């Protein structure tokens, strides 16, 4: 993709063009991780780095938090302790 100029508005608001959002798979309400490397601002959709979110559609709507809690309860039931 060819670089596109965007403006920083009051309060640090930056509007991402629709073409950028589409190409990056960014949707309204998504959380972006912001980092700076070598003077460049990098925006990464959190779902791109969260392995549970990455596969959630393949899991058929499984509630990952509930699965985690069930695992904790099972570990506690057998009195498991990490080494």
Protein backbone atom coordinates (compact mmCIF):
# COMPACT_ATOMS: atom_id res chain seq x y z
CA UNK A 1 0.00 0.00 0.00
CA UNK A 2 1.21 3.49 -0.84
CA UNK A 3 1.66 5.70 2.25
CA UNK A 4 -1.40 7.87 2.96
CA UNK A 5 -1.20 11.19 4.82
CA UNK A 6 -3.52 11.56 7.81
CA UNK A 7 -3.97 14.51 10.15
CA UNK A 8 -3.69 14.55 13.93
CA UNK A 9 -6.71 16.36 15.37
CA UNK A 10 -7.33 17.98 18.74
CA UNK A 11 -6.72 15.56 21.57
CA UNK A 12 -4.46 13.38 19.42
CA UNK A 13 -7.29 11.91 17.37
CA UNK A 14 -6.14 10.28 14.13
CA UNK A 15 -8.70 9.10 11.57
CA UNK A 16 -7.70 6.01 9.60
CA UNK A 17 -8.99 5.94 6.02
CA UNK A 18 -11.43 3.14 5.17
CA UNK A 19 -8.94 1.57 2.75
CA UNK A 20 -6.36 1.27 5.56
CA UNK A 21 -8.93 -0.20 7.98
CA UNK A 22 -10.07 -2.73 5.38
CA UNK A 23 -6.53 -3.84 4.50
CA UNK A 24 -5.59 -4.19 8.19
CA UNK A 25 -8.88 -5.85 9.14
CA UNK A 26 -9.66 -3.06 11.63
CA UNK A 27 -13.32 -2.65 12.58
CA UNK A 28 -15.16 -0.10 14.69
CA UNK A 29 -14.57 -0.81 18.37
CA UNK A 30 -11.31 -2.72 17.84
CA UNK A 31 -8.47 -2.03 20.26
CA UNK A 32 -5.15 -0.99 18.73
CA UNK A 33 -1.79 -1.38 20.44
CA UNK A 34 0.40 1.69 19.91
CA UNK A 35 4.19 1.49 19.93
CA UNK A 36 7.03 3.66 18.69
CA UNK A 37 10.11 2.16 17.05
CA UNK A 38 12.89 4.20 15.50
CA UNK A 39 10.63 7.27 15.47
CA UNK A 40 7.78 5.45 13.69
CA UNK A 41 4.34 5.08 15.21
CA UNK A 42 3.07 1.52 14.84
CA UNK A 43 -0.60 0.62 15.30
CA UNK A 44 -1.34 -3.09 15.68
CA UNK A 45 -4.85 -4.50 16.08
CA UNK A 46 -4.86 -6.26 19.47
CA UNK A 47 -6.71 -9.20 17.96
CA UNK A 48 -3.70 -9.73 15.68
CA UNK A 49 -1.47 -10.42 18.69
CA UNK A 50 -3.98 -12.13 20.99
CA UNK A 51 -3.89 -15.84 20.10
CA UNK A 52 -7.26 -16.55 21.73
CA UNK A 53 -8.97 -13.82 19.72
CA UNK A 54 -7.15 -14.95 16.61
CA UNK A 55 -8.79 -18.38 16.76
CA UNK A 56 -12.09 -17.49 18.46
CA UNK A 57 -14.08 -17.61 15.22
CA UNK A 58 -12.70 -21.09 14.59
CA UNK A 59 -13.71 -22.13 18.11
CA UNK A 60 -17.34 -21.40 17.33
CA UNK A 61 -18.00 -18.69 19.91
CA UNK A 62 -16.42 -20.47 22.86
CA UNK A 63 -15.99 -18.12 25.82
CA UNK A 64 -12.22 -18.24 26.36
CA UNK A 65 -12.48 -16.62 29.79
CA UNK A 66 -14.87 -19.34 30.95
CA UNK A 67 -12.55 -22.07 29.60
CA UNK A 68 -9.67 -20.48 31.54
CA UNK A 69 -11.76 -20.32 34.73
CA UNK A 70 -12.78 -23.98 34.30
CA UNK A 71 -9.11 -24.90 33.98
CA UNK A 72 -8.27 -23.01 37.17
CA UNK A 73 -11.11 -24.72 39.05
CA UNK A 74 -9.94 -28.14 37.81
CA UNK A 75 -6.34 -27.42 38.87
CA UNK A 76 -7.49 -26.29 42.31
CA UNK A 77 -9.69 -29.37 42.69
CA UNK A 78 -6.62 -31.63 42.47
CA UNK A 79 -4.56 -29.22 44.59
CA UNK A 80 -2.16 -28.56 41.69
CA UNK A 81 0.66 -26.08 42.38
CA UNK A 82 3.09 -24.69 39.78
CA UNK A 83 6.72 -25.65 40.39
